[in-house]
């Protein structure tokens, strides 16, 4: 591998649609004529996947005695072609009965749970049951579908300053991380949470004018050229503020530095990656050189 790599080791509210069925329907808590449930979405707690897992709070009005919830891919839900009433029955019969944590509140009853594995486009549904009636509420949740190719070690190797940034943050200049590829666009990659929760290093395949990937070969085999778009890290450098990263082509304002002048980054068939990367602050350069991702733990 390049330069002796082988020697380096809304809260979003639910559809709170309180449909008026008669003139005696009210907006004051406790005056609704039918059961109803509102879905609130929050980030999942630490220890859960920050993208594909969510916390939902289910708030039923005072006509609600039970709440059921169910999550499935939106495409699967749409394929059922069920009316709201029919789908409410489906959720009650196939979903999970929520464990109510609070009741006798002005709002009614409250339940909270974590729903996991929501990669892609999903619909989360809840059904309020009470007074012999059911009422369906839904929210939609979507994420980009990333596939994990390998778990391995990212080695911050550019210079002592960069190594110290990692060491001060993580205790070492080597970080265990997942290499992932975007399912809907295989040209897109990331090192998930390299710099912390929801802070991934993004990079992509470098293509020529014909749209095909540019490849090279060295003593370690064939590799595909990569580009590193400009992006912020959580690091700060002295009094100079936030540290950003980018490839040398972006730094120099000339793509040929990456495609022709030998300052490319690349990924091998075994998912080893070398990054010719620049670290910088608004005042100027912090360092540039090779960082590495080596698959396997």
C-alpha atoms as a PDB file:
ATOM      1  CA  UNK A   1       0.000   0.000   0.000  1.00  0.00           C
ATOM      2  CA  UNK A   2       1.116   3.588  -0.519  1.00  0.00           C
ATOM      3  CA  UNK A   3       4.065   4.811   1.558  1.00  0.00           C
ATOM      4  CA  UNK A   4       4.724   1.633   3.514  1.00  0.00           C
ATOM      5  CA  UNK A   5       1.204   0.993   4.676  1.00  0.00           C
ATOM      6  CA  UNK A   6       2.069  -2.662   5.156  1.00  0.00           C
ATOM      7  CA  UNK A   7       4.435  -1.632   7.930  1.00  0.00           C
ATOM      8  CA  UNK A   8       1.855   0.509   9.767  1.00  0.00           C
ATOM      9  CA  UNK A   9      -0.463  -0.933  12.240  1.00  0.00           C
ATOM     10  CA  UNK A  10     -37.600  17.242  15.392  1.00  0.00           C
ATOM     11  CA  UNK A  11     -38.299  16.185  17.249  1.00  0.00           C
ATOM     12  CA  UNK A  12     -40.813  15.084  14.646  1.00  0.00           C
ATOM     13  CA  UNK A  13     -44.385  14.962  15.734  1.00  0.00           C
ATOM     14  CA  UNK A  14     -46.686  12.276  14.520  1.00  0.00           C
ATOM     15  CA  UNK A  15     -49.717  12.929  12.459  1.00  0.00           C
ATOM     16  CA  UNK A  16     -51.637  14.526  15.285  1.00  0.00           C
ATOM     17  CA  UNK A  17     -54.829  14.611  13.330  1.00  0.00           C
ATOM     18  CA  UNK A  18     -57.732  14.835  15.749  1.00  0.00           C
ATOM     19  CA  UNK A  19     -60.558  14.296  13.294  1.00  0.00           C
ATOM     20  CA  UNK A  20     -63.784  15.958  14.351  1.00  0.00           C
ATOM     21  CA  UNK A  21     -66.638  13.463  14.154  1.00  0.00           C
ATOM     22  CA  UNK A  22     -69.236  15.620  15.824  1.00  0.00           C
ATOM     23  CA  UNK A  23     -69.829  19.139  17.047  1.00  0.00           C
ATOM     24  CA  UNK A  24     -69.064  18.140  20.638  1.00  0.00           C
ATOM     25  CA  UNK A  25     -65.417  17.405  19.849  1.00  0.00           C
ATOM     26  CA  UNK A  26     -63.174  19.659  21.926  1.00  0.00           C
ATOM     27  CA  UNK A  27     -59.568  20.746  22.103  1.00  0.00           C
ATOM     28  CA  UNK A  28     -59.327  20.839  25.878  1.00  0.00           C
ATOM     29  CA  UNK A  29     -57.490  17.765  27.254  1.00  0.00           C
ATOM     30  CA  UNK A  30     -59.978  15.097  28.210  1.00  0.00           C
ATOM     31  CA  UNK A  31     -62.835  16.360  26.029  1.00  0.00           C
ATOM     32  CA  UNK A  32     -62.081  14.348  22.872  1.00  0.00           C
ATOM     33  CA  UNK A  33     -64.914  12.096  21.833  1.00  0.00           C
ATOM     34  CA  UNK A  34     -62.707   9.308  20.420  1.00  0.00           C
ATOM     35  CA  UNK A  35     -59.377   7.713  21.357  1.00  0.00           C
ATOM     36  CA  UNK A  36     -56.327   9.230  19.763  1.00  0.00           C
ATOM     37  CA  UNK A  37     -52.556   8.857  19.979  1.00  0.00           C
ATOM     38  CA  UNK A  38     -49.776  11.232  18.969  1.00  0.00           C
ATOM     39  CA  UNK A  39     -46.302   9.920  18.100  1.00  0.00           C
ATOM     40  CA  UNK A  40     -43.229  11.940  19.073  1.00  0.00           C
ATOM     41  CA  UNK A  41     -39.776  10.937  17.824  1.00  0.00           C
ATOM     42  CA  UNK A  42     -36.454  11.495  19.613  1.00  0.00           C
ATOM     43  CA  UNK A  43     -32.873  10.301  19.261  1.00  0.00           C
ATOM     44  CA  UNK A  44     -32.209   6.863  20.720  1.00  0.00           C
ATOM     45  CA  UNK A  45     -30.072   6.742  23.894  1.00  0.00           C
ATOM     46  CA  UNK A  46     -26.329   6.171  23.933  1.00  0.00           C
ATOM     47  CA  UNK A  47     -25.507   2.593  23.035  1.00  0.00           C
ATOM     48  CA  UNK A  48     -28.067   2.427  20.237  1.00  0.00           C
ATOM     49  CA  UNK A  49     -27.437   3.115  16.576  1.00  0.00           C
ATOM     50  CA  UNK A  50     -27.798   6.862  16.169  1.00  0.00           C
ATOM     51  CA  UNK A  51     -29.253   6.581  12.662  1.00  0.00           C
ATOM     52  CA  UNK A  52     -31.341   3.424  12.532  1.00  0.00           C
ATOM     53  CA  UNK A  53     -32.727   3.358  16.094  1.00  0.00           C
ATOM     54  CA  UNK A  54     -35.181   5.914  17.485  1.00  0.00           C
ATOM     55  CA  UNK A  55     -37.084   6.605  20.675  1.00  0.00           C
ATOM     56  CA  UNK A  56     -40.811   7.132  20.243  1.00  0.00           C
ATOM     57  CA  UNK A  57     -43.157   8.587  22.836  1.00  0.00           C
ATOM     58  CA  UNK A  58     -46.785   7.612  22.390  1.00  0.00           C
ATOM     59  CA  UNK A  59     -49.258   9.997  23.996  1.00  0.00           C
ATOM     60  CA  UNK A  60     -52.867   8.857  24.113  1.00  0.00           C
ATOM     61  CA  UNK A  61     -55.771  11.085  25.072  1.00  0.00           C
ATOM     62  CA  UNK A  62     -58.083  10.344  27.987  1.00  0.00           C
ATOM     63  CA  UNK A  63     -60.361   8.235  25.821  1.00  0.00           C
ATOM     64  CA  UNK A  64     -57.426   5.880  25.142  1.00  0.00           C
ATOM     65  CA  UNK A  65     -57.117   2.781  27.301  1.00  0.00           C
ATOM     66  CA  UNK A  66     -54.467   0.913  25.251  1.00  0.00           C
ATOM     67  CA  UNK A  67     -51.839   1.756  22.626  1.00  0.00           C
ATOM     68  CA  UNK A  68     -50.347  -0.618  20.070  1.00  0.00           C
ATOM     69  CA  UNK A  69     -47.402   0.179  17.795  1.00  0.00           C
ATOM     70  CA  UNK A  70     -45.816  -1.389  14.733  1.00  0.00           C
ATOM     71  CA  UNK A  71     -42.988  -0.475  12.339  1.00  0.00           C
ATOM     72  CA  UNK A  72     -42.434  -1.760   8.831  1.00  0.00           C
ATOM     73  CA  UNK A  73     -40.850  -0.600   5.622  1.00  0.00           C
ATOM     74  CA  UNK A  74     -43.032   1.981   3.942  1.00  0.00           C
ATOM     75  CA  UNK A  75     -43.045  -0.004   0.709  1.00  0.00           C
ATOM     76  CA  UNK A  76     -44.393  -3.049   2.563  1.00  0.00           C
ATOM     77  CA  UNK A  77     -47.094  -0.977   4.245  1.00  0.00           C
ATOM     78  CA  UNK A  78     -48.140   0.554   0.932  1.00  0.00           C
ATOM     79  CA  UNK A  79     -48.239  -2.874  -0.709  1.00  0.00           C
ATOM     80  CA  UNK A  80     -50.895  -4.007   1.782  1.00  0.00           C
ATOM     81  CA  UNK A  81     -53.304  -1.459   0.289  1.00  0.00           C
ATOM     82  CA  UNK A  82     -55.286  -1.269   3.523  1.00  0.00           C
ATOM     83  CA  UNK A  83     -57.574   1.535   4.609  1.00  0.00           C
ATOM     84  CA  UNK A  84     -56.706   3.326   7.836  1.00  0.00           C
ATOM     85  CA  UNK A  85     -59.344   1.321   9.701  1.00  0.00           C
ATOM     86  CA  UNK A  86     -58.099  -1.974   8.297  1.00  0.00           C
ATOM     87  CA  UNK A  87     -54.496  -1.086   9.005  1.00  0.00           C
ATOM     88  CA  UNK A  88     -55.405  -0.139  12.563  1.00  0.00           C
ATOM     89  CA  UNK A  89     -56.767  -3.669  13.004  1.00  0.00           C
ATOM     90  CA  UNK A  90     -53.547  -5.038  11.486  1.00  0.00           C
ATOM     91  CA  UNK A  91     -51.390  -3.070  13.947  1.00  0.00           C
ATOM     92  CA  UNK A  92     -53.416  -4.246  16.931  1.00  0.00           C
ATOM     93  CA  UNK A  93     -53.228  -7.871  15.771  1.00  0.00           C
ATOM     94  CA  UNK A  94     -49.569  -7.880  14.713  1.00  0.00           C
ATOM     95  CA  UNK A  95     -47.934  -5.077  16.643  1.00  0.00           C
ATOM     96  CA  UNK A  96     -46.760  -4.617  20.228  1.00  0.00           C
ATOM     97  CA  UNK A  97     -48.910  -3.417  23.087  1.00  0.00           C
ATOM     98  CA  UNK A  98     -47.174  -0.411  24.603  1.00  0.00           C
ATOM     99  CA  UNK A  99     -46.259  -0.480  28.268  1.00  0.00           C
ATOM    100  CA  UNK A 100     -47.855   2.611  29.733  1.00  0.00           C
ATOM    101  CA  UNK A 101     -45.461   4.514  31.973  1.00  0.00           C
ATOM    102  CA  UNK A 102     -47.859   7.271  33.011  1.00  0.00           C
ATOM    103  CA  UNK A 103     -51.616   7.618  33.144  1.00  0.00           C
ATOM    104  CA  UNK A 104     -54.304   9.820  34.618  1.00  0.00           C
ATOM    105  CA  UNK A 105     -52.535  12.830  33.105  1.00  0.00           C
ATOM    106  CA  UNK A 106     -54.386  15.707  31.436  1.00  0.00           C
ATOM    107  CA  UNK A 107     -53.157  14.312  28.125  1.00  0.00           C
ATOM    108  CA  UNK A 108     -54.210  10.776  28.960  1.00  0.00           C
ATOM    109  CA  UNK A 109     -51.652   7.951  28.925  1.00  0.00           C
ATOM    110  CA  UNK A 110     -47.989   7.960  27.877  1.00  0.00           C
ATOM    111  CA  UNK A 111     -45.726   5.133  26.708  1.00  0.00           C
ATOM    112  CA  UNK A 112     -42.134   5.285  25.487  1.00  0.00           C
ATOM    113  CA  UNK A 113     -40.035   2.726  23.655  1.00  0.00           C
ATOM    114  CA  UNK A 114     -36.979   2.361  21.417  1.00  0.00           C
ATOM    115  CA  UNK A 115     -37.529   0.970  17.924  1.00  0.00           C
ATOM    116  CA  UNK A 116     -34.435  -0.436  16.253  1.00  0.00           C
ATOM    117  CA  UNK A 117     -33.223  -1.375  12.783  1.00  0.00           C
ATOM    118  CA  UNK A 118     -34.943   1.345  10.756  1.00  0.00           C
ATOM    119  CA  UNK A 119     -32.481   1.479   7.859  1.00  0.00           C
ATOM    120  CA  UNK A 120     -34.117   2.817   4.716  1.00  0.00           C
ATOM    121  CA  UNK A 121     -37.678   4.162   4.521  1.00  0.00           C
ATOM    122  CA  UNK A 122     -40.030   3.084   7.313  1.00  0.00           C
ATOM    123  CA  UNK A 123     -43.482   3.896   8.675  1.00  0.00           C
ATOM    124  CA  UNK A 124     -44.036   3.785  12.423  1.00  0.00           C
ATOM    125  CA  UNK A 125     -47.695   3.366  13.324  1.00  0.00           C
ATOM    126  CA  UNK A 126     -49.576   3.567  16.597  1.00  0.00           C
ATOM    127  CA  UNK A 127     -53.202   2.751  17.334  1.00  0.00           C
ATOM    128  CA  UNK A 128     -55.203   4.197  20.193  1.00  0.00           C
ATOM    129  CA  UNK A 129     -57.861   1.825  21.515  1.00  0.00           C
ATOM    130  CA  UNK A 130     -60.733   2.889  23.757  1.00  0.00           C
ATOM    131  CA  UNK A 131     -64.502   3.024  24.040  1.00  0.00           C
ATOM    132  CA  UNK A 132     -64.794   0.237  21.491  1.00  0.00           C
ATOM    133  CA  UNK A 133     -62.960   2.328  18.868  1.00  0.00           C
ATOM    134  CA  UNK A 134     -59.527   2.434  17.252  1.00  0.00           C
ATOM    135  CA  UNK A 135     -57.617   5.372  15.805  1.00  0.00           C
ATOM    136  CA  UNK A 136     -54.436   5.123  13.681  1.00  0.00           C
ATOM    137  CA  UNK A 137     -51.546   7.601  13.691  1.00  0.00           C
ATOM    138  CA  UNK A 138     -48.287   7.312  11.741  1.00  0.00           C
ATOM    139  CA  UNK A 139     -44.923   8.950  11.182  1.00  0.00           C
ATOM    140  CA  UNK A 140     -42.417   8.233   8.448  1.00  0.00           C
ATOM    141  CA  UNK A 141     -38.726   7.761   9.158  1.00  0.00           C
ATOM    142  CA  UNK A 142     -35.957   7.384   6.609  1.00  0.00           C
ATOM    143  CA  UNK A 143     -32.194   6.926   6.611  1.00  0.00           C
ATOM    144  CA  UNK A 144     -29.640   6.220   3.941  1.00  0.00           C
ATOM    145  CA  UNK A 145     -28.977   2.465   3.647  1.00  0.00           C
ATOM    146  CA  UNK A 146     -25.271   1.957   4.389  1.00  0.00           C
ATOM    147  CA  UNK A 147     -23.753  -1.535   4.116  1.00  0.00           C
ATOM    148  CA  UNK A 148     -20.786  -2.430   6.307  1.00  0.00           C
ATOM    149  CA  UNK A 149     -17.874  -3.768   4.268  1.00  0.00           C
ATOM    150  CA  UNK A 150     -15.333  -4.210   7.042  1.00  0.00           C
ATOM    151  CA  UNK A 151     -14.451  -3.294  10.599  1.00  0.00           C
ATOM    152  CA  UNK A 152     -10.878  -2.224  11.065  1.00  0.00           C
ATOM    153  CA  UNK A 153      -8.442   0.397  12.293  1.00  0.00           C
ATOM    154  CA  UNK A 154      -8.075   3.973  11.130  1.00  0.00           C
ATOM    155  CA  UNK A 155      -4.514   5.178  11.628  1.00  0.00           C
ATOM    156  CA  UNK A 156      -3.973   8.924  11.823  1.00  0.00           C
ATOM    157  CA  UNK A 157      -0.451   9.161  10.490  1.00  0.00           C
ATOM    158  CA  UNK A 158      -0.113  12.537   8.705  1.00  0.00           C
ATOM    159  CA  UNK A 159       2.142  14.170  11.295  1.00  0.00           C
ATOM    160  CA  UNK A 160       2.621  14.610  15.039  1.00  0.00           C
ATOM    161  CA  UNK A 161       0.013  17.381  15.218  1.00  0.00           C
ATOM    162  CA  UNK A 162      -2.673  15.187  13.687  1.00  0.00           C
ATOM    163  CA  UNK A 163      -1.657  12.196  15.779  1.00  0.00           C
ATOM    164  CA  UNK A 164      -2.001  14.359  18.888  1.00  0.00           C
ATOM    165  CA  UNK A 165      -5.486  15.490  17.846  1.00  0.00           C
ATOM    166  CA  UNK A 166      -6.608  11.867  17.775  1.00  0.00           C
ATOM    167  CA  UNK A 167      -4.660  10.903  20.900  1.00  0.00           C
ATOM    168  CA  UNK A 168      -6.167  13.767  22.904  1.00  0.00           C
ATOM    169  CA  UNK A 169      -9.689  12.814  21.781  1.00  0.00           C
ATOM    170  CA  UNK A 170      -9.481   9.009  21.810  1.00  0.00           C
ATOM    171  CA  UNK A 171      -6.358   8.117  23.757  1.00  0.00           C
ATOM    172  CA  UNK A 172      -4.583   6.894  20.620  1.00  0.00           C
ATOM    173  CA  UNK A 173      -3.964   7.821  17.004  1.00  0.00           C
ATOM    174  CA  UNK A 174      -5.637   4.514  16.053  1.00  0.00           C
ATOM    175  CA  UNK A 175      -9.433   4.212  16.077  1.00  0.00           C
ATOM    176  CA  UNK A 176     -11.597   1.121  15.490  1.00  0.00           C
ATOM    177  CA  UNK A 177     -14.221   1.983  12.906  1.00  0.00           C
ATOM    178  CA  UNK A 178     -16.560   0.517  10.266  1.00  0.00           C
ATOM    179  CA  UNK A 179     -16.014   1.026   6.550  1.00  0.00           C
ATOM    180  CA  UNK A 180     -19.415   1.389   4.881  1.00  0.00           C
ATOM    181  CA  UNK A 181     -20.703   1.758   1.326  1.00  0.00           C
ATOM    182  CA  UNK A 182     -23.970   3.417   0.344  1.00  0.00           C
ATOM    183  CA  UNK A 183     -26.370   0.787  -0.991  1.00  0.00           C
ATOM    184  CA  UNK A 184     -28.089   3.184  -3.383  1.00  0.00           C
ATOM    185  CA  UNK A 185     -24.814   4.637  -4.729  1.00  0.00           C
ATOM    186  CA  UNK A 186     -21.787   2.310  -4.511  1.00  0.00           C
ATOM    187  CA  UNK A 187     -19.494   5.239  -5.331  1.00  0.00           C
ATOM    188  CA  UNK A 188     -20.140   6.681  -1.858  1.00  0.00           C
ATOM    189  CA  UNK A 189     -18.226   5.498   1.225  1.00  0.00           C
ATOM    190  CA  UNK A 190     -17.796   6.507   4.816  1.00  0.00           C
ATOM    191  CA  UNK A 191     -15.940   5.561   7.983  1.00  0.00           C
ATOM    192  CA  UNK A 192     -18.872   5.538  10.364  1.00  0.00           C
ATOM    193  CA  UNK A 193     -18.507   7.695  13.469  1.00  0.00           C
ATOM    194  CA  UNK A 194     -14.764   8.039  12.970  1.00  0.00           C
ATOM    195  CA  UNK A 195     -14.766  11.249  14.973  1.00  0.00           C
ATOM    196  CA  UNK A 196     -17.676  10.449  17.284  1.00  0.00           C
ATOM    197  CA  UNK A 197     -21.436   9.993  17.265  1.00  0.00           C
ATOM    198  CA  UNK A 198     -22.912  11.175  13.937  1.00  0.00           C
ATOM    199  CA  UNK A 199     -19.480  12.353  12.783  1.00  0.00           C
ATOM    200  CA  UNK A 200     -18.301  10.152   9.920  1.00  0.00           C
ATOM    201  CA  UNK A 201     -15.519  10.645   7.382  1.00  0.00           C
ATOM    202  CA  UNK A 202     -17.144  10.733   3.935  1.00  0.00           C
ATOM    203  CA  UNK A 203     -15.342   9.939   0.678  1.00  0.00           C
ATOM    204  CA  UNK A 204     -16.244   8.800  -2.817  1.00  0.00           C
ATOM    205  CA  UNK A 205     -14.938   7.113  -5.949  1.00  0.00           C
ATOM    206  CA  UNK A 206     -13.003   9.352  -8.320  1.00  0.00           C
ATOM    207  CA  UNK A 207     -14.365   9.142 -11.866  1.00  0.00           C
ATOM    208  CA  UNK A 208     -13.011  10.304 -15.188  1.00  0.00           C
ATOM    209  CA  UNK A 209     -14.720  12.291 -17.915  1.00  0.00           C
ATOM    210  CA  UNK A 210     -16.333   9.074 -19.151  1.00  0.00           C
ATOM    211  CA  UNK A 211     -17.936   8.540 -15.752  1.00  0.00           C
ATOM    212  CA  UNK A 212     -15.905   5.396 -15.026  1.00  0.00           C
ATOM    213  CA  UNK A 213     -13.848   4.920 -11.891  1.00  0.00           C
ATOM    214  CA  UNK A 214     -10.156   5.769 -12.172  1.00  0.00           C
ATOM    215  CA  UNK A 215      -7.902   2.917 -11.072  1.00  0.00           C
ATOM    216  CA  UNK A 216      -4.212   2.445 -10.395  1.00  0.00           C
ATOM    217  CA  UNK A 217      -1.889  -0.371  -9.432  1.00  0.00           C
ATOM    218  CA  UNK A 218       1.149  -0.753  -7.216  1.00  0.00           C
ATOM    219  CA  UNK A 219       2.972  -3.537  -5.411  1.00  0.00           C
ATOM    220  CA  UNK A 220      -0.117  -4.175  -3.255  1.00  0.00           C
ATOM    221  CA  UNK A 221      -2.510  -4.564  -6.169  1.00  0.00           C
ATOM    222  CA  UNK A 222      -5.174  -2.651  -8.041  1.00  0.00           C
ATOM    223  CA  UNK A 223      -6.865   0.229  -6.255  1.00  0.00           C
ATOM    224  CA  UNK A 224      -9.648   2.680  -7.098  1.00  0.00           C
ATOM    225  CA  UNK A 225      -8.945   6.394  -6.804  1.00  0.00           C
ATOM    226  CA  UNK A 226     -10.943   8.257  -4.159  1.00  0.00           C
ATOM    227  CA  UNK A 227     -11.903  11.863  -3.448  1.00  0.00           C
ATOM    228  CA  UNK A 228     -12.291  13.353   0.031  1.00  0.00           C
ATOM    229  CA  UNK A 229     -14.801  16.235   0.046  1.00  0.00           C
ATOM    230  CA  UNK A 230     -14.163  19.114   2.408  1.00  0.00           C
ATOM    231  CA  UNK A 231     -15.736  18.469   5.794  1.00  0.00           C
ATOM    232  CA  UNK A 232     -15.360  19.528   9.402  1.00  0.00           C
ATOM    233  CA  UNK A 233     -13.984  17.408  12.218  1.00  0.00           C
ATOM    234  CA  UNK A 234     -14.780  17.880  15.918  1.00  0.00           C
ATOM    235  CA  UNK A 235     -11.145  18.826  16.548  1.00  0.00           C
ATOM    236  CA  UNK A 236      -9.801  22.290  17.281  1.00  0.00           C
ATOM    237  CA  UNK A 237      -6.182  23.315  16.774  1.00  0.00           C
ATOM    238  CA  UNK A 238      -4.751  25.749  19.287  1.00  0.00           C
ATOM    239  CA  UNK A 239      -6.589  29.054  19.033  1.00  0.00           C
ATOM    240  CA  UNK A 240      -7.252  28.610  15.315  1.00  0.00           C
ATOM    241  CA  UNK A 241     -10.657  26.965  15.659  1.00  0.00           C
ATOM    242  CA  UNK A 242     -12.200  23.975  13.926  1.00  0.00           C
ATOM    243  CA  UNK A 243     -10.038  21.543  11.957  1.00  0.00           C
ATOM    244  CA  UNK A 244     -11.315  20.487   8.549  1.00  0.00           C
ATOM    245  CA  UNK A 245     -10.168  17.804   6.118  1.00  0.00           C
ATOM    246  CA  UNK A 246     -10.132  17.501   2.318  1.00  0.00           C
ATOM    247  CA  UNK A 247      -8.039  15.975  -0.443  1.00  0.00           C
ATOM    248  CA  UNK A 248      -5.072  17.755  -1.983  1.00  0.00           C
ATOM    249  CA  UNK A 249      -6.950  18.467  -5.208  1.00  0.00           C
ATOM    250  CA  UNK A 250      -9.531  20.532  -3.320  1.00  0.00           C
ATOM    251  CA  UNK A 251      -6.802  22.220  -1.293  1.00  0.00           C
ATOM    252  CA  UNK A 252      -4.943  23.261  -4.441  1.00  0.00           C
ATOM    253  CA  UNK A 253      -8.077  23.983  -6.458  1.00  0.00           C
ATOM    254  CA  UNK A 254      -6.860  21.606  -9.164  1.00  0.00           C
ATOM    255  CA  UNK A 255      -8.212  18.056  -9.551  1.00  0.00           C
ATOM    256  CA  UNK A 256      -5.116  16.961 -11.455  1.00  0.00           C
ATOM    257  CA  UNK A 257      -3.229  16.835  -8.160  1.00  0.00           C
ATOM    258  CA  UNK A 258      -5.409  13.822  -7.359  1.00  0.00           C
ATOM    259  CA  UNK A 259      -5.813  12.289 -10.808  1.00  0.00           C
ATOM    260  CA  UNK A 260      -2.377  12.842 -12.345  1.00  0.00           C
ATOM    261  CA  UNK A 261       0.209  14.209  -9.937  1.00  0.00           C
ATOM    262  CA  UNK A 262       0.426  11.327  -7.481  1.00  0.00           C
ATOM    263  CA  UNK A 263      -1.562  12.734  -4.567  1.00  0.00           C
ATOM    264  CA  UNK A 264      -4.437  10.269  -4.895  1.00  0.00           C
ATOM    265  CA  UNK A 265      -6.275   8.344  -2.218  1.00  0.00           C
ATOM    266  CA  UNK A 266      -7.333   4.783  -2.979  1.00  0.00           C
ATOM    267  CA  UNK A 267      -9.220   1.681  -1.900  1.00  0.00           C
ATOM    268  CA  UNK A 268      -7.982  -1.852  -2.655  1.00  0.00           C
ATOM    269  CA  UNK A 269     -10.118  -4.899  -3.340  1.00  0.00           C
ATOM    270  CA  UNK A 270      -9.556  -6.095   0.242  1.00  0.00           C
ATOM    271  CA  UNK A 271     -11.068  -2.792   1.493  1.00  0.00           C
ATOM    272  CA  UNK A 272      -7.748  -1.399   2.673  1.00  0.00           C
ATOM    273  CA  UNK A 273      -7.736   2.351   2.138  1.00  0.00           C
ATOM    274  CA  UNK A 274      -4.997   4.966   1.968  1.00  0.00           C
ATOM    275  CA  UNK A 275      -5.997   8.596   2.377  1.00  0.00           C
ATOM    276  CA  UNK A 276      -3.838  11.388   0.991  1.00  0.00           C
ATOM    277  CA  UNK A 277      -5.549  13.944   3.192  1.00  0.00           C
ATOM    278  CA  UNK A 278      -5.023  17.513   4.312  1.00  0.00           C
ATOM    279  CA  UNK A 279      -5.934  18.768   7.780  1.00  0.00           C
ATOM    280  CA  UNK A 280      -6.462  22.532   7.891  1.00  0.00           C
ATOM    281  CA  UNK A 281      -7.869  25.465   9.817  1.00  0.00           C
ATOM    282  CA  UNK A 282      -9.064  28.822   8.545  1.00  0.00           C
ATOM    283  CA  UNK A 283      -5.574  30.238   9.004  1.00  0.00           C
ATOM    284  CA  UNK A 284      -3.900  27.558   6.908  1.00  0.00           C
ATOM    285  CA  UNK A 285      -2.422  24.083   6.746  1.00  0.00           C
ATOM    286  CA  UNK A 286      -2.085  21.785   9.773  1.00  0.00           C
ATOM    287  CA  UNK A 287      -0.575  18.931   7.775  1.00  0.00           C
ATOM    288  CA  UNK A 288      -1.046  16.666   4.800  1.00  0.00           C
ATOM    289  CA  UNK A 289       0.026  13.133   4.026  1.00  0.00           C
ATOM    290  CA  UNK A 290      -1.200   9.569   4.415  1.00  0.00           C
ATOM    291  CA  UNK A 291      -3.746   8.225   6.864  1.00  0.00           C
ATOM    292  CA  UNK A 292      -4.866   4.617   6.546  1.00  0.00           C
ATOM    293  CA  UNK A 293      -7.755   2.238   7.121  1.00  0.00           C
ATOM    294  CA  UNK A 294      -6.709  -1.395   7.641  1.00  0.00           C
ATOM    295  CA  UNK A 295      -9.557  -3.962   7.776  1.00  0.00           C
ATOM    296  CA  UNK A 296      -9.596  -6.623  10.473  1.00  0.00           C
ATOM    297  CA  UNK A 297      -9.218  -6.290  14.207  1.00  0.00           C
END
